[in-house]
Amino acid sequence: MAVRADQLKTASRWLWGAVMCGVVYLVIKYFEYQWNTAQGLDTETNIFYGVYYYVTFNHFLHVGWGSAGLVWVIYRINTGVYSKNEHEGLINMALYWHMIDLAWITIFPLLYVIR
């Protein structure tokens, strides 16, 4: 971890990369929802789409909150709150972000591959 090596600018850059990945996901998912709606696919179409929208929108919200949390962590790094000796909040945010990753590793095959 860059923060543990006292490389705060490097840590900040990596976190901005994660934020950008989150934003790209949110944009893609927004256009996917728009496309689905244009095709007449909504929660009332069938049980699959009901589950699909529930699960993917729940993930969408968590990615949004996680991206905002990463921006907060970047702010705290840049203002000197986190250091190589004090960075517990950063570690907690990383755990949350990776929980969202693990959720996607389950969601993607179940809803997009195995159909």
N, C-alpha and C. Protein backbone atom coordinates (compact mmCIF):
# COMPACT_ATOMS: atom_id res chain seq x y z
N MET A 1 0.85 -1.17 0.00
CA MET A 1 0.00 0.00 0.00
C MET A 1 0.90 1.23 0.00
N ALA A 2 0.60 2.15 -0.88
CA ALA A 2 1.43 3.35 -1.04
C ALA A 2 1.45 4.21 0.22
N VAL A 3 0.34 4.26 0.94
CA VAL A 3 0.30 5.10 2.15
C VAL A 3 1.26 4.55 3.20
N ARG A 4 1.32 3.24 3.33
CA ARG A 4 2.24 2.64 4.30
C ARG A 4 3.70 2.94 3.95
N ALA A 5 3.98 3.14 2.65
CA ALA A 5 5.33 3.49 2.20
C ALA A 5 5.53 5.01 2.20
N ASP A 6 4.56 5.74 2.73
CA ASP A 6 4.60 7.20 2.81
C ASP A 6 4.64 7.85 1.41
N GLN A 7 3.97 7.22 0.46
CA GLN A 7 3.86 7.74 -0.91
C GLN A 7 2.41 8.22 -1.12
N LEU A 8 2.08 9.34 -0.49
CA LEU A 8 0.70 9.81 -0.47
C LEU A 8 0.21 10.24 -1.84
N LYS A 9 1.05 10.85 -2.65
CA LYS A 9 0.62 11.26 -4.00
C LYS A 9 0.31 10.04 -4.87
N THR A 10 1.13 9.00 -4.73
CA THR A 10 0.87 7.76 -5.46
C THR A 10 -0.44 7.14 -5.01
N ALA A 11 -0.68 7.11 -3.71
CA ALA A 11 -1.93 6.57 -3.18
C ALA A 11 -3.11 7.36 -3.72
N SER A 12 -2.97 8.67 -3.74
CA SER A 12 -4.04 9.52 -4.25
C SER A 12 -4.33 9.22 -5.72
N ARG A 13 -3.28 9.05 -6.51
CA ARG A 13 -3.47 8.73 -7.94
C ARG A 13 -4.19 7.40 -8.12
N TRP A 14 -3.79 6.39 -7.36
CA TRP A 14 -4.45 5.09 -7.45
C TRP A 14 -5.92 5.20 -7.06
N LEU A 15 -6.19 5.96 -6.03
CA LEU A 15 -7.58 6.13 -5.59
C LEU A 15 -8.41 6.87 -6.64
N TRP A 16 -7.81 7.89 -7.29
CA TRP A 16 -8.52 8.57 -8.38
C TRP A 16 -8.82 7.59 -9.51
N GLY A 17 -7.90 6.66 -9.78
CA GLY A 17 -8.16 5.63 -10.78
C GLY A 17 -9.35 4.78 -10.41
N ALA A 18 -9.46 4.42 -9.13
CA ALA A 18 -10.61 3.64 -8.66
C ALA A 18 -11.90 4.45 -8.80
N VAL A 19 -11.84 5.74 -8.48
CA VAL A 19 -13.02 6.61 -8.63
C VAL A 19 -13.45 6.64 -10.10
N MET A 20 -12.47 6.77 -10.99
CA MET A 20 -12.80 6.82 -12.42
C MET A 20 -13.44 5.51 -12.87
N CYS A 21 -12.94 4.38 -12.38
CA CYS A 21 -13.56 3.09 -12.70
C CYS A 21 -15.01 3.05 -12.21
N GLY A 22 -15.23 3.56 -11.01
CA GLY A 22 -16.59 3.61 -10.48
C GLY A 22 -17.50 4.48 -11.32
N VAL A 23 -17.01 5.64 -11.74
CA VAL A 23 -17.81 6.57 -12.55
C VAL A 23 -18.11 5.94 -13.92
N VAL A 24 -17.11 5.29 -14.51
CA VAL A 24 -17.34 4.62 -15.80
C VAL A 24 -18.42 3.56 -15.65
N TYR A 25 -18.36 2.79 -14.58
CA TYR A 25 -19.39 1.78 -14.34
C TYR A 25 -20.77 2.43 -14.24
N LEU A 26 -20.86 3.52 -13.48
CA LEU A 26 -22.15 4.18 -13.30
C LEU A 26 -22.70 4.70 -14.62
N VAL A 27 -21.85 5.26 -15.45
CA VAL A 27 -22.28 5.77 -16.76
C VAL A 27 -22.75 4.62 -17.65
N ILE A 28 -21.96 3.56 -17.70
CA ILE A 28 -22.35 2.40 -18.52
C ILE A 28 -23.68 1.84 -18.05
N LYS A 29 -23.83 1.69 -16.74
CA LYS A 29 -25.07 1.12 -16.20
C LYS A 29 -26.26 2.03 -16.50
N TYR A 30 -26.06 3.36 -16.43
CA TYR A 30 -27.12 4.31 -16.76
C TYR A 30 -27.59 4.09 -18.20
N PHE A 31 -26.66 4.00 -19.13
CA PHE A 31 -27.04 3.80 -20.53
C PHE A 31 -27.64 2.42 -20.76
N GLU A 32 -27.19 1.43 -20.00
CA GLU A 32 -27.78 0.10 -20.09
C GLU A 32 -29.24 0.15 -19.64
N TYR A 33 -29.52 0.85 -18.55
CA TYR A 33 -30.90 0.99 -18.09
C TYR A 33 -31.75 1.73 -19.13
N GLN A 34 -31.19 2.77 -19.73
CA GLN A 34 -31.91 3.51 -20.76
C GLN A 34 -32.23 2.61 -21.95
N TRP A 35 -31.25 1.81 -22.38
CA TRP A 35 -31.45 0.91 -23.50
C TRP A 35 -32.52 -0.13 -23.16
N ASN A 36 -32.44 -0.70 -21.96
CA ASN A 36 -33.44 -1.69 -21.53
C ASN A 36 -34.84 -1.10 -21.54
N THR A 37 -34.96 0.12 -21.04
CA THR A 37 -36.26 0.78 -21.01
C THR A 37 -36.79 1.00 -22.43
N ALA A 38 -35.92 1.41 -23.33
CA ALA A 38 -36.33 1.62 -24.73
C ALA A 38 -36.79 0.31 -25.37
N GLN A 39 -36.25 -0.82 -24.92
CA GLN A 39 -36.65 -2.13 -25.44
C GLN A 39 -37.90 -2.67 -24.75
N GLY A 40 -38.40 -1.94 -23.76
CA GLY A 40 -39.59 -2.38 -23.04
C GLY A 40 -39.30 -3.35 -21.91
N LEU A 41 -38.06 -3.40 -21.48
CA LEU A 41 -37.67 -4.32 -20.39
C LEU A 41 -37.66 -3.56 -19.08
N ASP A 42 -38.53 -3.95 -18.17
CA ASP A 42 -38.57 -3.32 -16.85
C ASP A 42 -38.85 -4.38 -15.79
N THR A 43 -39.10 -3.94 -14.58
CA THR A 43 -39.29 -4.90 -13.49
C THR A 43 -40.54 -5.75 -13.66
N GLU A 44 -41.47 -5.29 -14.47
CA GLU A 44 -42.72 -6.03 -14.70
C GLU A 44 -42.62 -7.02 -15.85
N THR A 45 -41.51 -7.02 -16.59
CA THR A 45 -41.37 -7.89 -17.76
C THR A 45 -41.46 -9.36 -17.36
N ASN A 46 -40.65 -9.78 -16.42
CA ASN A 46 -40.68 -11.14 -15.88
C ASN A 46 -39.84 -11.16 -14.60
N ILE A 47 -39.77 -12.32 -13.96
CA ILE A 47 -39.06 -12.42 -12.69
C ILE A 47 -37.57 -12.14 -12.86
N PHE A 48 -37.00 -12.57 -14.00
CA PHE A 48 -35.57 -12.33 -14.22
C PHE A 48 -35.28 -10.83 -14.19
N TYR A 49 -36.06 -10.03 -14.90
CA TYR A 49 -35.79 -8.59 -14.93
C TYR A 49 -36.13 -7.91 -13.61
N GLY A 50 -37.07 -8.44 -12.87
CA GLY A 50 -37.32 -7.92 -11.53
C GLY A 50 -36.10 -8.10 -10.64
N VAL A 51 -35.54 -9.31 -10.66
CA VAL A 51 -34.33 -9.58 -9.87
C VAL A 51 -33.15 -8.80 -10.43
N TYR A 52 -33.03 -8.76 -11.76
CA TYR A 52 -31.93 -8.05 -12.42
C TYR A 52 -31.89 -6.58 -11.97
N TYR A 53 -33.03 -5.90 -12.05
CA TYR A 53 -33.05 -4.48 -11.67
C TYR A 53 -32.80 -4.29 -10.18
N TYR A 54 -33.35 -5.17 -9.36
CA TYR A 54 -33.11 -5.04 -7.92
C TYR A 54 -31.63 -5.19 -7.59
N VAL A 55 -31.02 -6.24 -8.09
CA VAL A 55 -29.62 -6.53 -7.76
C VAL A 55 -28.68 -5.50 -8.38
N THR A 56 -28.87 -5.19 -9.67
CA THR A 56 -27.93 -4.26 -10.32
C THR A 56 -28.11 -2.83 -9.82
N PHE A 57 -29.34 -2.43 -9.49
CA PHE A 57 -29.51 -1.07 -8.96
C PHE A 57 -28.94 -0.97 -7.55
N ASN A 58 -29.07 -2.03 -6.77
CA ASN A 58 -28.46 -2.06 -5.44
C ASN A 58 -26.94 -1.91 -5.58
N HIS A 59 -26.36 -2.63 -6.52
CA HIS A 59 -24.91 -2.51 -6.77
C HIS A 59 -24.57 -1.11 -7.27
N PHE A 60 -25.40 -0.55 -8.16
CA PHE A 60 -25.22 0.80 -8.68
C PHE A 60 -25.13 1.81 -7.53
N LEU A 61 -26.04 1.70 -6.56
CA LEU A 61 -26.03 2.60 -5.42
C LEU A 61 -24.77 2.45 -4.59
N HIS A 62 -24.34 1.21 -4.37
CA HIS A 62 -23.14 0.99 -3.58
C HIS A 62 -21.88 1.50 -4.29
N VAL A 63 -21.83 1.36 -5.60
CA VAL A 63 -20.69 1.91 -6.35
C VAL A 63 -20.69 3.43 -6.24
N GLY A 64 -21.87 4.04 -6.33
CA GLY A 64 -21.96 5.50 -6.18
C GLY A 64 -21.48 5.96 -4.81
N TRP A 65 -21.97 5.31 -3.76
CA TRP A 65 -21.54 5.66 -2.41
C TRP A 65 -20.05 5.37 -2.22
N GLY A 66 -19.59 4.24 -2.78
CA GLY A 66 -18.18 3.90 -2.67
C GLY A 66 -17.28 4.90 -3.38
N SER A 67 -17.70 5.36 -4.55
CA SER A 67 -16.93 6.37 -5.27
C SER A 67 -16.86 7.67 -4.47
N ALA A 68 -17.98 8.06 -3.89
CA ALA A 68 -17.99 9.26 -3.05
C ALA A 68 -17.09 9.06 -1.83
N GLY A 69 -17.11 7.88 -1.26
CA GLY A 69 -16.24 7.58 -0.12
C GLY A 69 -14.77 7.65 -0.50
N LEU A 70 -14.44 7.20 -1.70
CA LEU A 70 -13.05 7.29 -2.16
C LEU A 70 -12.62 8.74 -2.33
N VAL A 71 -13.51 9.57 -2.83
CA VAL A 71 -13.18 11.00 -2.95
C VAL A 71 -12.93 11.58 -1.56
N TRP A 72 -13.72 11.19 -0.58
CA TRP A 72 -13.53 11.66 0.80
C TRP A 72 -12.16 11.21 1.33
N VAL A 73 -11.79 9.97 1.05
CA VAL A 73 -10.49 9.46 1.49
C VAL A 73 -9.36 10.23 0.81
N ILE A 74 -9.51 10.52 -0.47
CA ILE A 74 -8.49 11.31 -1.19
C ILE A 74 -8.36 12.69 -0.54
N TYR A 75 -9.48 13.30 -0.22
CA TYR A 75 -9.44 14.60 0.46
C TYR A 75 -8.68 14.50 1.77
N ARG A 76 -8.93 13.44 2.53
CA ARG A 76 -8.27 13.28 3.82
C ARG A 76 -6.77 12.99 3.65
N ILE A 77 -6.40 12.29 2.59
CA ILE A 77 -4.98 12.09 2.31
C ILE A 77 -4.32 13.43 2.00
N ASN A 78 -4.97 14.20 1.14
CA ASN A 78 -4.39 15.48 0.69
C ASN A 78 -4.35 16.53 1.79
N THR A 79 -5.19 16.41 2.80
CA THR A 79 -5.16 17.38 3.90
C THR A 79 -4.33 16.90 5.08
N GLY A 80 -3.68 15.76 4.93
CA GLY A 80 -2.77 15.28 5.96
C GLY A 80 -3.41 14.50 7.09
N VAL A 81 -4.68 14.16 6.96
CA VAL A 81 -5.34 13.39 8.01
C VAL A 81 -4.76 11.98 8.07
N TYR A 82 -4.51 11.39 6.89
CA TYR A 82 -3.93 10.06 6.83
C TYR A 82 -2.42 10.17 6.62
N SER A 83 -1.72 9.29 7.26
CA SER A 83 -0.27 9.23 7.13
C SER A 83 0.13 7.76 7.12
N LYS A 84 1.44 7.52 7.05
CA LYS A 84 1.88 6.12 7.04
C LYS A 84 1.59 5.43 8.36
N ASN A 85 1.42 6.20 9.43
CA ASN A 85 1.13 5.61 10.74
C ASN A 85 -0.35 5.61 11.09
N GLU A 86 -1.14 6.49 10.48
CA GLU A 86 -2.57 6.62 10.80
C GLU A 86 -3.37 6.62 9.50
N HIS A 87 -3.94 5.46 9.16
CA HIS A 87 -4.71 5.36 7.92
C HIS A 87 -5.81 4.29 8.02
N GLU A 88 -6.34 4.13 9.21
CA GLU A 88 -7.37 3.12 9.43
C GLU A 88 -8.62 3.38 8.58
N GLY A 89 -9.00 4.65 8.45
CA GLY A 89 -10.17 4.98 7.62
C GLY A 89 -9.97 4.61 6.17
N LEU A 90 -8.77 4.78 5.67
CA LEU A 90 -8.45 4.38 4.29
C LEU A 90 -8.59 2.87 4.13
N ILE A 91 -8.10 2.13 5.10
CA ILE A 91 -8.21 0.68 5.03
C ILE A 91 -9.67 0.25 5.06
N ASN A 92 -10.47 0.90 5.90
CA ASN A 92 -11.91 0.57 5.95
C ASN A 92 -12.60 0.87 4.63
N MET A 93 -12.23 1.98 4.00
CA MET A 93 -12.81 2.32 2.71
C MET A 93 -12.40 1.30 1.66
N ALA A 94 -11.14 0.87 1.70
CA ALA A 94 -10.66 -0.15 0.76
C ALA A 94 -11.44 -1.46 0.94
N LEU A 95 -11.72 -1.82 2.19
CA LEU A 95 -12.50 -3.03 2.44
C LEU A 95 -13.91 -2.92 1.86
N TYR A 96 -14.52 -1.75 2.02
CA TYR A 96 -15.86 -1.51 1.46
C TYR A 96 -15.82 -1.61 -0.07
N TRP A 97 -14.82 -0.94 -0.66
CA TRP A 97 -14.71 -0.93 -2.12
C TRP A 97 -14.54 -2.35 -2.65
N HIS A 98 -13.73 -3.16 -1.97
CA HIS A 98 -13.51 -4.53 -2.44
C HIS A 98 -14.71 -5.43 -2.15
N MET A 99 -15.52 -5.09 -1.14
CA MET A 99 -16.77 -5.81 -0.94
C MET A 99 -17.68 -5.59 -2.15
N ILE A 100 -17.68 -4.37 -2.67
CA ILE A 100 -18.47 -4.08 -3.87
C ILE A 100 -17.93 -4.87 -5.05
N ASP A 101 -16.60 -4.99 -5.18
CA ASP A 101 -15.99 -5.81 -6.23
C ASP A 101 -16.46 -7.26 -6.13
N LEU A 102 -16.41 -7.80 -4.92
CA LEU A 102 -16.81 -9.19 -4.73
C LEU A 102 -18.28 -9.40 -5.08
N ALA A 103 -19.10 -8.42 -4.77
CA ALA A 103 -20.51 -8.52 -5.14
C ALA A 103 -20.64 -8.60 -6.67
N TRP A 104 -19.86 -7.77 -7.38
CA TRP A 104 -19.94 -7.77 -8.85
C TRP A 104 -19.44 -9.09 -9.42
N ILE A 105 -18.43 -9.70 -8.79
CA ILE A 105 -17.93 -10.99 -9.25
C ILE A 105 -19.02 -12.05 -9.17
N THR A 106 -19.95 -11.89 -8.26
CA THR A 106 -21.09 -12.81 -8.15
C THR A 106 -22.21 -12.39 -9.10
N ILE A 107 -22.50 -11.10 -9.16
CA ILE A 107 -23.62 -10.60 -9.96
C ILE A 107 -23.39 -10.84 -11.45
N PHE A 108 -22.20 -10.53 -11.94
CA PHE A 108 -21.95 -10.60 -13.38
C PHE A 108 -22.22 -11.99 -13.96
N PRO A 109 -21.64 -13.06 -13.42
CA PRO A 109 -21.94 -14.35 -14.03
C PRO A 109 -23.40 -14.77 -13.88
N LEU A 110 -24.01 -14.44 -12.74
CA LEU A 110 -25.38 -14.86 -12.53
C LEU A 110 -26.38 -14.15 -13.44
N LEU A 111 -26.15 -12.88 -13.73
CA LEU A 111 -27.12 -12.12 -14.51
C LEU A 111 -26.74 -11.90 -15.97
N TYR A 112 -25.47 -11.98 -16.29
CA TYR A 112 -25.03 -11.68 -17.65
C TYR A 112 -24.49 -12.88 -18.39
N VAL A 113 -23.93 -13.84 -17.69
CA VAL A 113 -23.31 -14.99 -18.37
C VAL A 113 -24.24 -16.19 -18.36
N ILE A 114 -24.71 -16.56 -17.17
CA ILE A 114 -25.58 -17.74 -17.04
C ILE A 114 -27.02 -17.28 -17.20
N ARG A 115 -27.50 -17.37 -18.40
CA ARG A 115 -28.88 -16.94 -18.64
C ARG A 115 -29.55 -17.86 -19.60
